[in-house]
Each structure stands twice: as structure tokens, then as C-alpha cells.
Amino acid sequence: MGDYPYPSNYMLNGNGILPAYPMRSACQPLSQQGLAGPALLKGLRQAVGTFYNFSGHLPCYNYSEGPNPEGEEDSNFWDYQACTEMVMPFSRNGGEHASHAEFEAAILFTRSAFTS
């Protein structure tokens, strides 16, 4: 959706600029085989930093917040859309249909997200 071949501010709502191919940029620190322990955590920090620390100036990230206020608001819109879409009980594999438990999980998510 936002993995453009040129630097762009689209995914950050104009509040910063992501590098060209930001998904490639984010995955690059995790592309080495055998990452474990501190090296894996460092790679994960760099990957997440592509979006959360686009400025390069943050010493740490608040994982419970988005990278900017508009991004947080956008995520609320996606939750609303997910909760108001018509549920289609068809399978992805052509055989099994969505289970009752999957419907219950969707209902619980909607209730927890939009009721006080």
C-alpha cells in the first residue's frame, strides 16, 4: 500500500518522509540468517524504526502509540471499517467455512473497541 520506489510522506500523513521502498528498508536489518538474542532485538528495533522513528531522533518508542497523531486516528478508522463490514461466511480454501468461534471473536473485538 505504501511501498513506493521513491521517498514518500504518504504513510505518515505528511509528518515525515519514509525512504524509497520502506518495506525493503524495514526488512533489511532482519535479513541476516541466524539472528538471535541482542542482534535480533537490534534488528527488530531498526525495522520498527523505519516507521516509528522516521526522523532518526527518538531514543526509544512508545509501542502503544502510533508514529504521529494522525496515524493513530487512521487506525481507529480501520477498526471502525472492520466492525461495520458485512461478514461473509465463506472459506478461503474452498472447503471449510468460517467457524462460529471466528464470528464470536469478531463480535467481541467490535464490542471492546466501540463500547464504553
C-alpha atoms as a PDB file:
ATOM      1  CA  MET A   1       0.000   0.000   0.000  1.00  0.00           C
ATOM      2  CA  GLY A   2       2.807   2.432   0.723  1.00  0.00           C
ATOM      3  CA  ASP A   3       5.893   0.619  -0.579  1.00  0.00           C
ATOM      4  CA  TYR A   4       6.742   3.189  -3.222  1.00  0.00           C
ATOM      5  CA  PRO A   5      10.023   3.238  -5.205  1.00  0.00           C
ATOM      6  CA  TYR A   6      10.710   6.811  -4.075  1.00  0.00           C
ATOM      7  CA  PRO A   7      10.737   8.640  -0.719  1.00  0.00           C
ATOM      8  CA  SER A   8       7.193   9.467   0.354  1.00  0.00           C
ATOM      9  CA  ASN A   9       5.269  11.080   3.199  1.00  0.00           C
ATOM     10  CA  TYR A  10       2.005   9.322   2.317  1.00  0.00           C
ATOM     11  CA  MET A  11       2.026   6.774   5.148  1.00  0.00           C
ATOM     12  CA  LEU A  12       3.000   9.435   7.702  1.00  0.00           C
ATOM     13  CA  ASN A  13       0.266  11.892   6.719  1.00  0.00           C
ATOM     14  CA  GLY A  14       2.821  14.499   5.722  1.00  0.00           C
ATOM     15  CA  ASN A  15       4.606  14.492   9.112  1.00  0.00           C
ATOM     16  CA  GLY A  16       7.806  12.887   7.882  1.00  0.00           C
ATOM     17  CA  ILE A  17       9.343  11.065   4.947  1.00  0.00           C
ATOM     18  CA  LEU A  18       9.852   7.335   4.605  1.00  0.00           C
ATOM     19  CA  PRO A  19      12.690   6.039   2.442  1.00  0.00           C
ATOM     20  CA  ALA A  20      12.131   4.570  -1.003  1.00  0.00           C
ATOM     21  CA  TYR A  21      10.751   1.024  -0.675  1.00  0.00           C
ATOM     22  CA  PRO A  22      10.178   1.352   3.085  1.00  0.00           C
ATOM     23  CA  MET A  23       9.214  -2.326   3.436  1.00  0.00           C
ATOM     24  CA  ARG A  24      12.560  -3.397   1.992  1.00  0.00           C
ATOM     25  CA  SER A  25      14.245  -0.893   4.264  1.00  0.00           C
ATOM     26  CA  ALA A  26      12.420  -2.277   7.293  1.00  0.00           C
ATOM     27  CA  CYS A  27      13.145  -5.912   6.427  1.00  0.00           C
ATOM     28  CA  GLN A  28      16.835  -5.395   5.628  1.00  0.00           C
ATOM     29  CA  PRO A  29      18.054  -5.390   9.288  1.00  0.00           C
ATOM     30  CA  LEU A  30      16.279  -8.742   9.798  1.00  0.00           C
ATOM     31  CA  SER A  31      17.519 -10.394   6.595  1.00  0.00           C
ATOM     32  CA  GLN A  32      20.626 -11.981   8.102  1.00  0.00           C
ATOM     33  CA  GLN A  33      20.265 -15.672   8.905  1.00  0.00           C
ATOM     34  CA  GLY A  34      20.832 -16.829  12.439  1.00  0.00           C
ATOM     35  CA  LEU A  35      19.861 -13.622  14.190  1.00  0.00           C
ATOM     36  CA  ALA A  36      19.305 -14.316  17.870  1.00  0.00           C
ATOM     37  CA  GLY A  37      19.433 -12.589  21.228  1.00  0.00           C
ATOM     38  CA  PRO A  38      20.684  -8.990  21.228  1.00  0.00           C
ATOM     39  CA  ALA A  39      21.364  -8.966  17.476  1.00  0.00           C
ATOM     40  CA  LEU A  40      17.756  -9.991  16.781  1.00  0.00           C
ATOM     41  CA  LEU A  41      16.419  -7.298  19.115  1.00  0.00           C
ATOM     42  CA  LYS A  42      18.636  -4.687  17.469  1.00  0.00           C
ATOM     43  CA  GLY A  43      17.399  -5.744  14.022  1.00  0.00           C
ATOM     44  CA  LEU A  44      13.797  -5.592  15.199  1.00  0.00           C
ATOM     45  CA  ARG A  45      14.376  -2.112  16.656  1.00  0.00           C
ATOM     46  CA  GLN A  46      15.818  -0.943  13.336  1.00  0.00           C
ATOM     47  CA  ALA A  47      12.949  -2.492  11.376  1.00  0.00           C
ATOM     48  CA  VAL A  48      10.283  -0.856  13.544  1.00  0.00           C
ATOM     49  CA  GLY A  49      12.259   2.388  13.477  1.00  0.00           C
ATOM     50  CA  THR A  50      11.690   2.717   9.745  1.00  0.00           C
ATOM     51  CA  PHE A  51       8.141   3.804  10.553  1.00  0.00           C
ATOM     52  CA  TYR A  52       8.203   4.841  14.225  1.00  0.00           C
ATOM     53  CA  ASN A  53      11.498   6.725  14.119  1.00  0.00           C
ATOM     54  CA  PHE A  54      11.449   8.152  10.601  1.00  0.00           C
ATOM     55  CA  SER A  55      13.246  11.256  11.905  1.00  0.00           C
ATOM     56  CA  GLY A  56      16.071   9.195  13.418  1.00  0.00           C
ATOM     57  CA  HIS A  57      15.931  11.288  16.595  1.00  0.00           C
ATOM     58  CA  LEU A  58      13.909   9.144  19.010  1.00  0.00           C
ATOM     59  CA  PRO A  59      15.896   7.311  21.689  1.00  0.00           C
ATOM     60  CA  CYS A  60      13.010   4.858  22.298  1.00  0.00           C
ATOM     61  CA  TYR A  61       9.495   4.116  21.051  1.00  0.00           C
ATOM     62  CA  ASN A  62       6.131   4.045  22.750  1.00  0.00           C
ATOM     63  CA  TYR A  63       4.653   0.859  21.312  1.00  0.00           C
ATOM     64  CA  SER A  64       1.146   1.766  22.490  1.00  0.00           C
ATOM     65  CA  GLU A  65       1.026   4.874  20.282  1.00  0.00           C
ATOM     66  CA  GLY A  66       1.309   5.436  16.562  1.00  0.00           C
ATOM     67  CA  PRO A  67       4.184   7.379  14.998  1.00  0.00           C
ATOM     68  CA  ASN A  68       2.061  10.533  14.822  1.00  0.00           C
ATOM     69  CA  PRO A  69      -1.424  11.584  15.999  1.00  0.00           C
ATOM     70  CA  GLU A  70      -2.946  11.331  12.529  1.00  0.00           C
ATOM     71  CA  GLY A  71      -1.714   7.761  12.189  1.00  0.00           C
ATOM     72  CA  GLU A  72      -3.441   6.868  15.438  1.00  0.00           C
ATOM     73  CA  GLU A  73      -6.672   8.394  14.165  1.00  0.00           C
ATOM     74  CA  ASP A  74      -6.340   6.483  10.888  1.00  0.00           C
ATOM     75  CA  SER A  75      -6.043   3.185  12.756  1.00  0.00           C
ATOM     76  CA  ASN A  76      -9.325   3.935  14.513  1.00  0.00           C
ATOM     77  CA  PHE A  77     -10.981   4.300  11.107  1.00  0.00           C
ATOM     78  CA  TRP A  78      -9.714   0.855  10.069  1.00  0.00           C
ATOM     79  CA  ASP A  79     -11.142  -0.635  13.273  1.00  0.00           C
ATOM     80  CA  TYR A  80     -14.477   1.021  12.547  1.00  0.00           C
ATOM     81  CA  GLN A  81     -14.457  -0.292   8.993  1.00  0.00           C
ATOM     82  CA  ALA A  82     -13.651  -3.812  10.191  1.00  0.00           C
ATOM     83  CA  CYS A  83     -16.554  -3.681  12.629  1.00  0.00           C
ATOM     84  CA  THR A  84     -19.102  -2.364  10.140  1.00  0.00           C
ATOM     85  CA  GLU A  85     -18.347  -4.608   7.183  1.00  0.00           C
ATOM     86  CA  MET A  86     -20.805  -7.332   6.307  1.00  0.00           C
ATOM     87  CA  VAL A  87     -19.463 -10.684   7.459  1.00  0.00           C
ATOM     88  CA  MET A  88     -19.238 -13.186   4.636  1.00  0.00           C
ATOM     89  CA  PRO A  89     -19.055 -16.764   5.975  1.00  0.00           C
ATOM     90  CA  PHE A  90     -17.163 -18.169   3.009  1.00  0.00           C
ATOM     91  CA  SER A  91     -13.932 -20.054   3.195  1.00  0.00           C
ATOM     92  CA  ARG A  92     -10.561 -19.018   1.889  1.00  0.00           C
ATOM     93  CA  ASN A  93      -9.611 -22.523   0.842  1.00  0.00           C
ATOM     94  CA  GLY A  94     -12.812 -23.564  -0.949  1.00  0.00           C
ATOM     95  CA  GLY A  95     -13.756 -26.119   1.706  1.00  0.00           C
ATOM     96  CA  GLU A  96     -14.145 -25.139   5.320  1.00  0.00           C
ATOM     97  CA  HIS A  97     -16.399 -22.244   6.177  1.00  0.00           C
ATOM     98  CA  ALA A  98     -15.746 -19.666   8.868  1.00  0.00           C
ATOM     99  CA  SER A  99     -16.457 -21.100  12.296  1.00  0.00           C
ATOM    100  CA  HIS A 100     -18.837 -19.837  14.933  1.00  0.00           C
ATOM    101  CA  ALA A 101     -15.792 -19.024  17.104  1.00  0.00           C
ATOM    102  CA  GLU A 102     -14.439 -16.666  14.413  1.00  0.00           C
ATOM    103  CA  PHE A 103     -17.747 -14.777  14.377  1.00  0.00           C
ATOM    104  CA  GLU A 104     -17.731 -14.597  18.177  1.00  0.00           C
ATOM    105  CA  ALA A 105     -14.182 -13.211  18.126  1.00  0.00           C
ATOM    106  CA  ALA A 106     -15.209 -10.507  15.635  1.00  0.00           C
ATOM    107  CA  ILE A 107     -18.181  -9.556  17.786  1.00  0.00           C
ATOM    108  CA  LEU A 108     -16.038  -9.366  20.934  1.00  0.00           C
ATOM    109  CA  PHE A 109     -13.490  -7.154  19.153  1.00  0.00           C
ATOM    110  CA  THR A 110     -16.203  -4.782  17.969  1.00  0.00           C
ATOM    111  CA  ARG A 111     -17.784  -4.559  21.388  1.00  0.00           C
ATOM    112  CA  SER A 112     -14.461  -3.905  23.109  1.00  0.00           C
ATOM    113  CA  ALA A 113     -13.415  -1.277  20.568  1.00  0.00           C
ATOM    114  CA  PHE A 114     -16.615   0.731  20.411  1.00  0.00           C
ATOM    115  CA  THR A 115     -18.442   0.438  23.720  1.00  0.00           C
ATOM    116  CA  SER A 116     -17.567   2.105  26.972  1.00  0.00           C
END
